[in-house]
Amino acid sequence: MVDKLKFWLAVALVITGVTGFYLLGEQPLVLRVLSVLAGLGAGGAVAWFTEPGRRFAVFVREAITETRKVVWPTRKETVQMTGIVFAFVVVMAIFLWLTDKSLEWVVYDLILGWKR
């Protein structure tokens, strides 16, 4: 029950920050943006102390740990794979164009007799 109250308090703080952006319409943009950031920060701080917030923090830490385990491709590998993808796209485009023109010739010229 307490977590639900904290969650709704966090939502209310975020809404208050966004509302402040519109209520401060005559003020400089920096002040208006700070209003939104303050609402987001306060809402995030309150949400951080709920059970789902703690679980989310653990999830983020585990995700960062898993990301560090990934073997990222080198620049050379990335350039080679990009080149292969572009070459495949060009070959497929030519193949599909030839297939389209062949079917067009068969249907319009041979079957229907609509010579251009």
Protein backbone atom coordinates (compact mmCIF):
# COMPACT_ATOMS: atom_id res chain seq x y z
CA MET A 1 0.00 0.00 0.00
CA VAL A 2 2.82 2.38 0.88
CA ASP A 3 4.51 1.65 -2.47
CA LYS A 4 1.31 2.55 -4.30
CA LEU A 5 1.10 5.86 -2.46
CA LYS A 6 4.76 6.59 -3.25
CA PHE A 7 4.15 5.70 -6.88
CA TRP A 8 1.17 8.02 -7.17
CA LEU A 9 3.13 10.76 -5.40
CA ALA A 10 5.88 10.31 -7.99
CA VAL A 11 3.33 10.55 -10.81
CA ALA A 12 1.83 13.68 -9.22
CA LEU A 13 5.30 15.27 -8.99
CA VAL A 14 5.98 14.60 -12.66
CA ILE A 15 2.57 15.99 -13.63
CA THR A 16 3.25 19.04 -11.46
CA GLY A 17 6.55 19.63 -13.25
CA VAL A 18 4.91 19.40 -16.68
CA THR A 19 2.04 21.62 -15.54
CA GLY A 20 4.59 24.15 -14.29
CA PHE A 21 6.01 24.28 -17.81
CA TYR A 22 2.69 25.55 -19.13
CA LEU A 23 1.84 27.77 -16.17
CA LEU A 24 5.18 29.55 -16.52
CA GLY A 25 4.44 30.43 -20.14
CA GLU A 26 5.53 34.05 -19.68
CA GLN A 27 8.84 33.09 -18.04
CA PRO A 28 12.11 32.34 -19.85
CA LEU A 29 12.35 28.91 -21.45
CA VAL A 30 15.19 27.90 -19.12
CA LEU A 31 12.93 28.29 -16.09
CA ARG A 32 10.17 26.33 -17.77
CA VAL A 33 12.51 23.46 -18.67
CA LEU A 34 13.91 23.47 -15.13
CA SER A 35 10.34 23.06 -13.88
CA VAL A 36 9.93 19.90 -15.94
CA LEU A 37 13.35 18.57 -14.93
CA ALA A 38 12.60 19.25 -11.26
CA GLY A 39 9.30 17.37 -11.53
CA LEU A 40 10.99 14.44 -13.26
CA GLY A 41 13.83 14.43 -10.74
CA ALA A 42 11.53 14.58 -7.72
CA GLY A 43 9.21 11.94 -9.18
CA GLY A 44 12.17 9.69 -9.99
CA ALA A 45 13.60 10.13 -6.49
CA VAL A 46 10.31 9.16 -4.86
CA ALA A 47 9.82 6.23 -7.26
CA TRP A 48 13.37 5.05 -6.54
CA PHE A 49 12.40 4.21 -2.96
CA THR A 50 9.51 1.94 -3.90
CA GLU A 51 9.94 -1.82 -4.29
CA PRO A 52 9.47 -1.69 -8.09
CA GLY A 53 12.01 1.14 -8.15
CA ARG A 54 14.57 -0.99 -6.30
CA ARG A 55 13.89 -3.91 -8.65
CA PHE A 56 14.38 -1.58 -11.60
CA ALA A 57 17.72 -0.42 -10.18
CA VAL A 58 18.86 -4.04 -9.85
CA PHE A 59 17.69 -4.72 -13.41
CA VAL A 60 19.68 -1.74 -14.72
CA ARG A 61 22.83 -2.88 -12.89
CA GLU A 62 22.46 -6.41 -14.28
CA ALA A 63 21.84 -5.07 -17.79
CA ILE A 64 25.00 -2.97 -17.62
CA THR A 65 26.96 -6.01 -16.42
CA GLU A 66 25.63 -8.10 -19.33
CA THR A 67 26.40 -5.32 -21.81
CA ARG A 68 30.03 -5.36 -20.70
CA LYS A 69 30.19 -9.09 -21.52
CA VAL A 70 29.22 -8.51 -25.17
CA VAL A 71 31.99 -8.95 -27.72
CA TRP A 72 31.51 -5.97 -30.01
CA PRO A 73 32.67 -6.19 -33.64
CA THR A 74 35.76 -4.30 -34.72
CA ARG A 75 35.57 -1.40 -37.14
CA LYS A 76 36.88 -3.62 -39.94
CA GLU A 77 34.21 -6.27 -39.30
CA THR A 78 31.50 -3.63 -39.20
CA VAL A 79 32.59 -2.09 -42.51
CA GLN A 80 32.82 -5.53 -44.15
CA MET A 81 29.35 -6.58 -42.99
CA THR A 82 27.88 -3.26 -44.09
CA GLY A 83 29.44 -3.73 -47.52
CA ILE A 84 28.01 -7.24 -47.76
CA VAL A 85 24.54 -5.97 -46.86
CA PHE A 86 24.71 -3.18 -49.48
CA ALA A 87 25.94 -5.64 -52.13
CA PHE A 88 23.10 -8.02 -51.31
CA VAL A 89 20.55 -5.22 -51.56
CA VAL A 90 21.89 -4.19 -54.98
CA VAL A 91 21.84 -7.79 -56.25
CA MET A 92 18.28 -8.29 -54.97
CA ALA A 93 17.15 -5.02 -56.55
CA ILE A 94 18.55 -6.08 -59.92
CA PHE A 95 17.01 -9.55 -59.58
CA LEU A 96 13.59 -8.15 -58.70
CA TRP A 97 13.78 -5.60 -61.55
CA LEU A 98 14.65 -8.37 -64.03
CA THR A 99 11.85 -10.56 -62.69
CA ASP A 100 9.37 -7.69 -62.97
CA LYS A 101 10.40 -6.85 -66.53
CA SER A 102 10.29 -10.52 -67.55
CA LEU A 103 6.80 -10.99 -66.14
CA GLU A 104 5.71 -7.73 -67.73
CA TRP A 105 7.00 -8.93 -71.12
CA VAL A 106 5.33 -12.34 -70.73
CA VAL A 107 1.96 -10.95 -69.65
CA TYR A 108 1.66 -7.87 -71.86
CA ASP A 109 3.50 -8.94 -74.99
CA LEU A 110 3.06 -12.71 -75.21
CA ILE A 111 -0.26 -13.39 -73.46
CA LEU A 112 -2.28 -10.22 -74.04
CA GLY A 113 -0.52 -9.08 -77.19
CA TRP A 114 -0.30 -5.43 -76.06
CA LYS A 115 2.84 -4.43 -77.90
CA ARG A 116 4.11 -1.01 -76.94
